[in-house]
C-alpha atoms as a PDB file:
ATOM      1  CA  MET A   1     106.086   5.461 133.593  1.00  0.00           C
ATOM      2  CA  ASP A   2     107.660   7.984 136.098  1.00  0.00           C
ATOM      3  CA  LYS A   3     108.156   8.302 140.002  1.00  0.00           C
ATOM      4  CA  SER A   4     105.163  10.586 139.865  1.00  0.00           C
ATOM      5  CA  GLN A   5     103.283   7.636 139.585  1.00  0.00           C
ATOM      6  CA  LEU A   6     104.945   6.343 142.816  1.00  0.00           C
ATOM      7  CA  ALA A   7     102.388   5.790 145.741  1.00  0.00           C
ATOM      8  CA  TYR A   8     102.702   3.963 149.278  1.00  0.00           C
ATOM      9  CA  ALA A   9     100.236   1.928 151.016  1.00  0.00           C
ATOM     10  CA  ILE A  10     100.452   3.492 154.559  1.00  0.00           C
ATOM     11  CA  TRP A  11      97.753   0.943 156.407  1.00  0.00           C
ATOM     12  CA  PRO A  12     101.223  -0.237 158.255  1.00  0.00           C
ATOM     13  CA  TRP A  13     101.146   2.865 160.199  1.00  0.00           C
ATOM     14  CA  GLY A  14      97.368   2.285 161.677  1.00  0.00           C
ATOM     15  CA  THR A  15      94.565   2.846 160.712  1.00  0.00           C
ATOM     16  CA  GLN A  16      92.628   3.855 163.825  1.00  0.00           C
ATOM     17  CA  THR A  17      94.424   7.271 165.163  1.00  0.00           C
ATOM     18  CA  ARG A  18      94.533  10.200 163.634  1.00  0.00           C
ATOM     19  CA  GLU A  19      98.265  10.742 165.021  1.00  0.00           C
ATOM     20  CA  GLN A  20      98.837   7.070 163.074  1.00  0.00           C
ATOM     21  CA  MET A  21      97.851   9.020 159.586  1.00  0.00           C
ATOM     22  CA  GLU A  22     100.096  12.174 160.521  1.00  0.00           C
ATOM     23  CA  LEU A  23     103.247   9.543 161.753  1.00  0.00           C
ATOM     24  CA  ALA A  24     102.484   8.122 157.504  1.00  0.00           C
ATOM     25  CA  ALA A  25     102.349  11.395 155.807  1.00  0.00           C
ATOM     26  CA  LYS A  26     104.703  12.381 158.060  1.00  0.00           C
ATOM     27  CA  GLU A  27     107.573  10.168 157.050  1.00  0.00           C
ATOM     28  CA  VAL A  28     106.435   9.299 153.480  1.00  0.00           C
ATOM     29  CA  THR A  29     106.377  12.959 152.319  1.00  0.00           C
ATOM     30  CA  GLU A  30     110.270  12.999 153.799  1.00  0.00           C
ATOM     31  CA  VAL A  31     110.831   9.740 151.536  1.00  0.00           C
ATOM     32  CA  GLY A  32     109.902  11.731 148.103  1.00  0.00           C
ATOM     33  CA  TYR A  33     106.069   9.973 147.917  1.00  0.00           C
ATOM     34  CA  SER A  34     103.088  12.819 146.967  1.00  0.00           C
ATOM     35  CA  LYS A  35     100.612   9.389 146.616  1.00  0.00           C
ATOM     36  CA  PHE A  36      99.057   7.123 148.879  1.00  0.00           C
ATOM     37  CA  GLU A  37      96.753   4.077 149.276  1.00  0.00           C
ATOM     38  CA  SER A  38      94.738   4.036 152.237  1.00  0.00           C
ATOM     39  CA  VAL A  39      92.160   1.666 153.488  1.00  0.00           C
ATOM     40  CA  LYS A  40      87.739   2.390 154.222  1.00  0.00           C
ATOM     41  CA  ALA A  41      88.633   1.554 157.355  1.00  0.00           C
ATOM     42  CA  ALA A  42      91.397   4.965 158.251  1.00  0.00           C
ATOM     43  CA  ILE A  43      88.605   7.425 156.852  1.00  0.00           C
ATOM     44  CA  TYR A  44      87.103   6.500 160.942  1.00  0.00           C
ATOM     45  CA  ALA A  45      89.819   7.520 162.363  1.00  0.00           C
ATOM     46  CA  TYR A  46      88.562  11.248 161.131  1.00  0.00           C
ATOM     47  CA  ASP A  47      84.597  10.394 162.133  1.00  0.00           C
ATOM     48  CA  MET A  48      84.272  11.338 158.045  1.00  0.00           C
ATOM     49  CA  ASP A  49      85.225  14.400 158.606  1.00  0.00           C
ATOM     50  CA  LEU A  50      86.559  16.145 155.239  1.00  0.00           C
ATOM     51  CA  THR A  51      87.924  19.579 156.552  1.00  0.00           C
ATOM     52  CA  ALA A  52      89.691  17.739 158.831  1.00  0.00           C
ATOM     53  CA  TYR A  53      91.606  14.786 156.352  1.00  0.00           C
ATOM     54  CA  ARG A  54      91.472  17.766 153.890  1.00  0.00           C
ATOM     55  CA  GLU A  55      94.097  19.459 156.178  1.00  0.00           C
ATOM     56  CA  VAL A  56      96.523  16.725 157.055  1.00  0.00           C
ATOM     57  CA  LEU A  57      96.957  16.400 153.121  1.00  0.00           C
ATOM     58  CA  SER A  58      97.515  20.197 152.334  1.00  0.00           C
ATOM     59  CA  ARG A  59     100.111  20.013 155.115  1.00  0.00           C
ATOM     60  CA  TYR A  60     102.062  18.074 153.594  1.00  0.00           C
ATOM     61  CA  ASN A  61     101.112  18.229 150.100  1.00  0.00           C
ATOM     62  CA  LEU A  62      99.945  14.484 149.683  1.00  0.00           C
ATOM     63  CA  ASN A  63      97.516  12.788 147.306  1.00  0.00           C
ATOM     64  CA  PRO A  64      95.094   9.505 148.062  1.00  0.00           C
ATOM     65  CA  VAL A  65      94.836   7.751 144.768  1.00  0.00           C
ATOM     66  CA  SER A  66      92.536   4.877 145.978  1.00  0.00           C
ATOM     67  CA  PHE A  67      91.092   3.128 149.387  1.00  0.00           C
ATOM     68  CA  TYR A  68      90.963  -0.565 149.716  1.00  0.00           C
ATOM     69  CA  PHE A  69      87.697  -1.803 150.494  1.00  0.00           C
ATOM     70  CA  HIS A  70      87.749  -5.647 151.130  1.00  0.00           C
ATOM     71  CA  PHE A  71      85.168  -8.588 151.170  1.00  0.00           C
ATOM     72  CA  PRO A  72      84.188 -10.294 154.980  1.00  0.00           C
ATOM     73  CA  LYS A  73      83.278 -13.501 155.343  1.00  0.00           C
ATOM     74  CA  MET A  74      80.783 -15.170 152.389  1.00  0.00           C
ATOM     75  CA  GLY A  75      77.627 -13.812 153.769  1.00  0.00           C
ATOM     76  CA  GLU A  76      78.544 -10.734 156.518  1.00  0.00           C
ATOM     77  CA  GLU A  77      78.577  -8.898 153.239  1.00  0.00           C
ATOM     78  CA  GLU A  78      75.585  -6.421 153.938  1.00  0.00           C
ATOM     79  CA  THR A  79      76.563  -5.516 157.306  1.00  0.00           C
ATOM     80  CA  VAL A  80      80.428  -5.339 157.007  1.00  0.00           C
ATOM     81  CA  VAL A  81      80.279  -3.669 153.106  1.00  0.00           C
ATOM     82  CA  PHE A  82      76.862  -2.461 151.437  1.00  0.00           C
ATOM     83  CA  SER A  83      75.192  -1.123 154.418  1.00  0.00           C
ATOM     84  CA  ASN A  84      77.477   2.064 154.501  1.00  0.00           C
ATOM     85  CA  LEU A  85      78.791   2.373 151.401  1.00  0.00           C
ATOM     86  CA  GLU A  86      77.326   4.810 150.034  1.00  0.00           C
ATOM     87  CA  LYS A  87      78.781   7.186 152.668  1.00  0.00           C
ATOM     88  CA  GLU A  88      81.998   5.555 152.595  1.00  0.00           C
ATOM     89  CA  PHE A  89      82.244   6.316 149.070  1.00  0.00           C
ATOM     90  CA  ASP A  90      80.879   9.888 148.936  1.00  0.00           C
ATOM     91  CA  PHE A  91      83.661  10.681 151.520  1.00  0.00           C
ATOM     92  CA  VAL A  92      86.361   9.060 149.129  1.00  0.00           C
ATOM     93  CA  SER A  93      84.966  10.614 145.789  1.00  0.00           C
ATOM     94  CA  ASN A  94      84.768  14.462 147.611  1.00  0.00           C
ATOM     95  CA  LEU A  95      88.884  14.119 148.481  1.00  0.00           C
ATOM     96  CA  ASN A  96      89.157  14.121 144.473  1.00  0.00           C
ATOM     97  CA  VAL A  97      89.885   9.930 144.114  1.00  0.00           C
ATOM     98  CA  LYS A  98      89.303   8.136 141.408  1.00  0.00           C
ATOM     99  CA  LEU A  99      89.959   4.410 142.408  1.00  0.00           C
ATOM    100  CA  VAL A 100      88.964   2.200 145.175  1.00  0.00           C
ATOM    101  CA  THR A 101      90.765  -1.244 145.098  1.00  0.00           C
ATOM    102  CA  LEU A 102      88.624  -3.915 146.178  1.00  0.00           C
ATOM    103  CA  GLN A 103      90.054  -7.378 147.805  1.00  0.00           C
ATOM    104  CA  PRO A 104      87.133 -10.086 146.877  1.00  0.00           C
ATOM    105  CA  THR A 105      85.553 -12.444 149.824  1.00  0.00           C
ATOM    106  CA  ILE A 106      87.358 -14.135 152.549  1.00  0.00           C
ATOM    107  CA  GLY A 107      87.894 -17.334 153.101  1.00  0.00           C
ATOM    108  CA  HIS A 108      89.104 -19.338 150.362  1.00  0.00           C
ATOM    109  CA  PRO A 109      87.904 -23.414 150.241  1.00  0.00           C
ATOM    110  CA  ASP A 110      90.576 -25.973 150.781  1.00  0.00           C
ATOM    111  CA  ARG A 111      89.891 -26.596 147.214  1.00  0.00           C
ATOM    112  CA  MET A 112      89.453 -25.111 144.011  1.00  0.00           C
ATOM    113  CA  LEU A 113      85.967 -22.495 143.623  1.00  0.00           C
ATOM    114  CA  THR A 114      83.092 -24.169 141.594  1.00  0.00           C
ATOM    115  CA  GLU A 115      81.469 -21.983 138.684  1.00  0.00           C
ATOM    116  CA  THR A 116      78.244 -21.392 141.092  1.00  0.00           C
ATOM    117  CA  GLU A 117      81.258 -19.939 143.786  1.00  0.00           C
ATOM    118  CA  MET A 118      83.036 -18.164 141.080  1.00  0.00           C
ATOM    119  CA  GLU A 119      79.402 -16.658 139.437  1.00  0.00           C
ATOM    120  CA  THR A 120      78.505 -15.692 142.876  1.00  0.00           C
ATOM    121  CA  GLU A 121      81.624 -14.283 143.776  1.00  0.00           C
ATOM    122  CA  LEU A 122      81.360 -12.161 140.113  1.00  0.00           C
ATOM    123  CA  GLU A 123      77.332 -10.991 141.557  1.00  0.00           C
ATOM    124  CA  LEU A 124      79.185  -9.267 144.401  1.00  0.00           C
ATOM    125  CA  ILE A 125      82.173  -7.465 142.548  1.00  0.00           C
ATOM    126  CA  VAL A 126      79.677  -6.498 139.919  1.00  0.00           C
ATOM    127  CA  ARG A 127      76.895  -4.569 142.533  1.00  0.00           C
ATOM    128  CA  PHE A 128      80.384  -2.717 144.483  1.00  0.00           C
ATOM    129  CA  ALA A 129      81.644  -1.796 141.367  1.00  0.00           C
ATOM    130  CA  LYS A 130      78.186  -0.556 139.717  1.00  0.00           C
ATOM    131  CA  ILE A 131      77.258   1.893 143.526  1.00  0.00           C
ATOM    132  CA  ALA A 132      81.328   3.113 142.636  1.00  0.00           C
ATOM    133  CA  LYS A 133      80.683   4.256 139.419  1.00  0.00           C
ATOM    134  CA  LYS A 134      77.784   6.478 140.752  1.00  0.00           C
ATOM    135  CA  PHE A 135      80.309   8.514 142.461  1.00  0.00           C
ATOM    136  CA  GLY A 136      82.834   8.560 140.005  1.00  0.00           C
ATOM    137  CA  LEU A 137      85.018   5.383 141.547  1.00  0.00           C
ATOM    138  CA  ARG A 138      86.556   2.969 139.478  1.00  0.00           C
ATOM    139  CA  THR A 139      86.918  -0.260 141.122  1.00  0.00           C
ATOM    140  CA  ASN A 140      89.843  -2.877 140.605  1.00  0.00           C
ATOM    141  CA  MET A 141      89.628  -5.893 141.734  1.00  0.00           C
ATOM    142  CA  HIS A 142      92.616  -6.898 143.767  1.00  0.00           C
ATOM    143  CA  CYS A 143      93.802 -10.775 143.715  1.00  0.00           C
ATOM    144  CA  HIS A 144      94.443 -11.917 147.291  1.00  0.00           C
ATOM    145  CA  ASP A 145      95.742 -15.374 149.260  1.00  0.00           C
ATOM    146  CA  ASN A 146      93.020 -16.734 151.092  1.00  0.00           C
ATOM    147  CA  THR A 147      90.342 -15.059 148.900  1.00  0.00           C
ATOM    148  CA  TRP A 148      87.465 -15.517 146.130  1.00  0.00           C
ATOM    149  CA  ALA A 149      90.032 -14.513 143.456  1.00  0.00           C
ATOM    150  CA  MET A 150      93.135 -16.148 144.539  1.00  0.00           C
ATOM    151  CA  TYR A 151      94.141 -18.676 142.014  1.00  0.00           C
ATOM    152  CA  GLU A 152      94.768 -17.919 137.848  1.00  0.00           C
ATOM    153  CA  ASN A 153      91.233 -19.272 137.146  1.00  0.00           C
ATOM    154  CA  GLU A 154      89.143 -17.277 139.288  1.00  0.00           C
ATOM    155  CA  ILE A 155      91.058 -14.304 138.674  1.00  0.00           C
ATOM    156  CA  ASP A 156      90.208 -15.256 134.740  1.00  0.00           C
ATOM    157  CA  TYR A 157      86.492 -16.163 135.479  1.00  0.00           C
ATOM    158  CA  ILE A 158      86.023 -12.543 137.212  1.00  0.00           C
ATOM    159  CA  LEU A 159      88.295 -10.566 134.567  1.00  0.00           C
ATOM    160  CA  GLN A 160      86.680 -12.523 131.129  1.00  0.00           C
ATOM    161  CA  ASN A 161      83.189 -12.078 132.580  1.00  0.00           C
ATOM    162  CA  SER A 162      82.468  -8.411 133.858  1.00  0.00           C
ATOM    163  CA  ASP A 163      82.441  -5.311 131.448  1.00  0.00           C
ATOM    164  CA  PRO A 164      86.107  -3.789 131.084  1.00  0.00           C
ATOM    165  CA  ASP A 165      84.730  -0.857 131.736  1.00  0.00           C
ATOM    166  CA  LEU A 166      83.457  -1.390 135.363  1.00  0.00           C
ATOM    167  CA  VAL A 167      85.808  -3.938 137.020  1.00  0.00           C
ATOM    168  CA  SER A 168      89.564  -2.804 136.651  1.00  0.00           C
ATOM    169  CA  PHE A 169      92.357  -5.252 137.676  1.00  0.00           C
ATOM    170  CA  ALA A 170      94.722  -4.657 140.725  1.00  0.00           C
ATOM    171  CA  PRO A 171      97.268  -7.211 140.451  1.00  0.00           C
ATOM    172  CA  ASP A 172      99.470  -7.668 143.614  1.00  0.00           C
ATOM    173  CA  THR A 173     102.898  -8.874 142.589  1.00  0.00           C
ATOM    174  CA  ALA A 174     103.548 -10.920 145.491  1.00  0.00           C
ATOM    175  CA  HIS A 175      99.692 -12.331 145.658  1.00  0.00           C
ATOM    176  CA  LEU A 176     100.163 -13.685 141.997  1.00  0.00           C
ATOM    177  CA  VAL A 177     103.380 -15.208 143.384  1.00  0.00           C
ATOM    178  CA  ARG A 178     101.235 -17.010 145.894  1.00  0.00           C
ATOM    179  CA  GLY A 179      98.118 -17.940 144.142  1.00  0.00           C
ATOM    180  CA  LYS A 180     101.011 -20.141 141.753  1.00  0.00           C
ATOM    181  CA  CYS A 181     100.518 -17.454 139.305  1.00  0.00           C
ATOM    182  CA  ASP A 182     103.436 -16.025 136.392  1.00  0.00           C
ATOM    183  CA  PRO A 183     103.173 -12.188 137.861  1.00  0.00           C
ATOM    184  CA  VAL A 184     104.782 -11.316 134.218  1.00  0.00           C
ATOM    185  CA  GLU A 185     102.508 -13.280 132.209  1.00  0.00           C
ATOM    186  CA  MET A 186      99.349 -12.548 134.446  1.00  0.00           C
ATOM    187  CA  ILE A 187      99.801  -8.463 133.750  1.00  0.00           C
ATOM    188  CA  LYS A 188     101.274  -9.057 129.940  1.00  0.00           C
ATOM    189  CA  ARG A 189      97.593 -11.209 130.100  1.00  0.00           C
ATOM    190  CA  TYR A 190      95.564  -7.969 131.094  1.00  0.00           C
ATOM    191  CA  ALA A 191      97.755  -5.272 130.391  1.00  0.00           C
ATOM    192  CA  ASP A 192      94.567  -3.377 129.193  1.00  0.00           C
ATOM    193  CA  ARG A 193      92.444  -3.754 132.090  1.00  0.00           C
ATOM    194  CA  ILE A 194      95.209  -3.031 135.141  1.00  0.00           C
ATOM    195  CA  GLY A 195      93.494   0.760 136.946  1.00  0.00           C
ATOM    196  CA  PHE A 196      95.817   0.251 139.944  1.00  0.00           C
ATOM    197  CA  ILE A 197      98.854  -2.323 141.025  1.00  0.00           C
ATOM    198  CA  HIS A 198     100.851  -3.490 144.378  1.00  0.00           C
ATOM    199  CA  LEU A 199     104.655  -4.253 144.165  1.00  0.00           C
ATOM    200  CA  LYS A 200     105.763  -6.243 147.067  1.00  0.00           C
ATOM    201  CA  ASP A 201     108.103  -9.205 146.978  1.00  0.00           C
ATOM    202  CA  ILE A 202     107.621 -12.658 147.812  1.00  0.00           C
ATOM    203  CA  ILE A 203     110.154 -15.356 149.611  1.00  0.00           C
ATOM    204  CA  GLY A 204     108.694 -19.186 148.969  1.00  0.00           C
ATOM    205  CA  ALA A 205     105.090 -19.218 147.427  1.00  0.00           C
ATOM    206  CA  ASP A 206     103.718 -22.337 149.299  1.00  0.00           C
ATOM    207  CA  ALA A 207     102.611 -20.926 152.540  1.00  0.00           C
ATOM    208  CA  LEU A 208     102.019 -17.560 153.874  1.00  0.00           C
ATOM    209  CA  ALA A 209     102.482 -16.590 157.107  1.00  0.00           C
ATOM    210  CA  THR A 210      99.684 -15.150 158.755  1.00  0.00           C
ATOM    211  CA  GLU A 211     100.092 -13.243 161.791  1.00  0.00           C
ATOM    212  CA  GLY A 212      96.451 -12.392 162.052  1.00  0.00           C
ATOM    213  CA  PHE A 213      94.204  -9.779 160.961  1.00  0.00           C
ATOM    214  CA  ASN A 214      94.855  -5.643 162.066  1.00  0.00           C
ATOM    215  CA  ASP A 215      92.812  -3.351 163.136  1.00  0.00           C
ATOM    216  CA  ALA A 216      91.155  -2.893 159.764  1.00  0.00           C
ATOM    217  CA  GLY A 217      90.307  -6.653 159.102  1.00  0.00           C
ATOM    218  CA  VAL A 218      93.294  -6.846 156.816  1.00  0.00           C
ATOM    219  CA  GLU A 219      95.422 -10.327 156.753  1.00  0.00           C
ATOM    220  CA  ILE A 220      99.294  -9.528 157.644  1.00  0.00           C
ATOM    221  CA  TYR A 221     101.505 -11.827 156.090  1.00  0.00           C
ATOM    222  CA  ASN A 222     105.712 -12.017 157.202  1.00  0.00           C
ATOM    223  CA  ASN A 223     106.461 -13.653 153.811  1.00  0.00           C
ATOM    224  CA  PHE A 224     106.670 -10.026 152.216  1.00  0.00           C
ATOM    225  CA  LEU A 225     109.940  -8.547 151.665  1.00  0.00           C
ATOM    226  CA  GLU A 226     111.441  -4.997 150.601  1.00  0.00           C
ATOM    227  CA  LEU A 227     111.438  -4.548 146.804  1.00  0.00           C
ATOM    228  CA  GLY A 228     114.460  -6.799 145.117  1.00  0.00           C
ATOM    229  CA  LYS A 229     114.898  -9.210 147.698  1.00  0.00           C
ATOM    230  CA  GLY A 230     112.495 -12.061 147.083  1.00  0.00           C
ATOM    231  CA  ARG A 231     111.575 -13.465 144.158  1.00  0.00           C
ATOM    232  CA  VAL A 232     109.202 -11.399 141.630  1.00  0.00           C
ATOM    233  CA  ASP A 233     111.114 -10.448 138.196  1.00  0.00           C
ATOM    234  CA  PHE A 234     110.192  -6.412 138.846  1.00  0.00           C
ATOM    235  CA  SER A 235     111.850  -5.657 135.235  1.00  0.00           C
ATOM    236  CA  GLY A 236     110.079  -7.461 133.520  1.00  0.00           C
ATOM    237  CA  ILE A 237     106.415  -6.138 134.588  1.00  0.00           C
ATOM    238  CA  PHE A 238     107.806  -2.885 134.138  1.00  0.00           C
ATOM    239  CA  ASN A 239     108.964  -3.257 130.357  1.00  0.00           C
ATOM    240  CA  ILE A 240     105.020  -4.407 130.050  1.00  0.00           C
ATOM    241  CA  LEU A 241     103.910  -1.526 131.836  1.00  0.00           C
ATOM    242  CA  ASN A 242     106.016   0.741 129.871  1.00  0.00           C
ATOM    243  CA  LEU A 243     105.323  -1.076 126.722  1.00  0.00           C
ATOM    244  CA  VAL A 244     101.680  -0.461 127.147  1.00  0.00           C
ATOM    245  CA  ASN A 245     102.140   2.886 128.531  1.00  0.00           C
ATOM    246  CA  TYR A 246     100.159   2.375 131.747  1.00  0.00           C
ATOM    247  CA  ASP A 247     100.135   5.849 133.622  1.00  0.00           C
ATOM    248  CA  GLY A 248      97.654   4.711 136.717  1.00  0.00           C
ATOM    249  CA  PRO A 249      99.683   4.545 140.293  1.00  0.00           C
ATOM    250  CA  LEU A 250     102.788   2.164 140.853  1.00  0.00           C
ATOM    251  CA  CYS A 251     101.617   1.361 144.696  1.00  0.00           C
ATOM    252  CA  ILE A 252     104.250  -0.378 146.997  1.00  0.00           C
ATOM    253  CA  GLU A 253     103.612  -2.336 150.099  1.00  0.00           C
ATOM    254  CA  LEU A 254     104.663  -3.930 152.578  1.00  0.00           C
ATOM    255  CA  ASP A 255     102.682  -5.580 155.379  1.00  0.00           C
ATOM    256  CA  ARG A 256     105.399  -5.866 157.934  1.00  0.00           C
ATOM    257  CA  ALA A 257     108.997  -4.181 157.946  1.00  0.00           C
ATOM    258  CA  PRO A 258     111.643  -5.610 159.166  1.00  0.00           C
ATOM    259  CA  ILE A 259     112.668  -2.554 160.799  1.00  0.00           C
ATOM    260  CA  SER A 260     110.446   0.425 160.794  1.00  0.00           C
ATOM    261  CA  ASN A 261     107.577   1.953 158.015  1.00  0.00           C
ATOM    262  CA  ALA A 262     110.020   4.632 157.284  1.00  0.00           C
ATOM    263  CA  ILE A 263     113.124   2.284 156.349  1.00  0.00           C
ATOM    264  CA  SER A 264     111.227   0.345 154.440  1.00  0.00           C
ATOM    265  CA  ALA A 265     109.653   3.032 152.015  1.00  0.00           C
ATOM    266  CA  LYS A 266     113.205   4.966 152.048  1.00  0.00           C
ATOM    267  CA  ALA A 267     114.655   1.267 150.760  1.00  0.00           C
ATOM    268  CA  ASN A 268     111.602   0.375 148.307  1.00  0.00           C
ATOM    269  CA  TYR A 269     111.691   4.053 146.772  1.00  0.00           C
ATOM    270  CA  ASP A 270     115.227   3.801 146.078  1.00  0.00           C
ATOM    271  CA  TYR A 271     114.753   0.603 144.557  1.00  0.00           C
ATOM    272  CA  ILE A 272     111.771   1.497 142.316  1.00  0.00           C
ATOM    273  CA  ILE A 273     113.637   4.828 140.664  1.00  0.00           C
ATOM    274  CA  LYS A 274     116.382   2.952 140.107  1.00  0.00           C
ATOM    275  CA  GLN A 275     114.028   0.044 137.828  1.00  0.00           C
ATOM    276  CA  LEU A 276     112.213   2.915 136.477  1.00  0.00           C
ATOM    277  CA  GLU A 277     115.773   4.238 135.602  1.00  0.00           C
ATOM    278  CA  VAL A 278     116.441   0.679 133.718  1.00  0.00           C
ATOM    279  CA  CYS A 279     113.313   0.641 132.016  1.00  0.00           C
ATOM    280  CA  HIS A 280     113.333   4.035 130.408  1.00  0.00           C
ATOM    281  CA  GLU A 281     117.536   3.062 128.947  1.00  0.00           C
ATOM    282  CA  LYS A 282     116.156   0.130 127.320  1.00  0.00           C
ATOM    283  CA  ASN A 283     112.987   2.170 125.562  1.00  0.00           C
END
């Protein structure tokens, strides 16, 4: 692993206007990032104008590595997700993106999911992934708080009952902690399925303090921290990824920066660079 794999999730800068994309591009490239992840909603700020979007990328020498999609509440996916999915995938694939990150159905019941519910979720994910594959896109299932892939048994069910050539794993280090999982253990278990990863830190795990939803429909939390300031064992995670020669993106994400997105992007970059250096020294 090396710094060329580093990417930053830019949705916290905003997803509704071109000016928000421009600012994010400027600030992350000034730090040293050359790759980023955005969310589906952000492509509509450009009215799906590939020429305009490419112009910004070219000007900042910045490359998208993934776009983040999410399932709404169960029963709403036909209109919210599948109705325009092929047009959205066409736009994303024409940016030479090869990966999409998929957040499962939002609204976890106040109990464990039944096997029937997990089967229903699996069917939705597989349906999404099959459409993505037609556009040369690989789907990475993203575990997340308050979704139908929050806890260990739910993550296991999806990954153990889906085709590895169709559905990969996008672990989120903080959301794994929230779901009472050991991030190191889960990443070790599915090391050969990981196609993408969200790196973020967390304080506490019993509950996440949500600030509601952003304009892209993604839930925002304030329990998350800059890397190295919480309880996630990044050294252990990097050791595993290095051992399996993981060559995918290392995407840093922070819902709410304590001072500014730019300052946190720099702090996170510096932390990861040091971690990579230590990892190389050990190996």
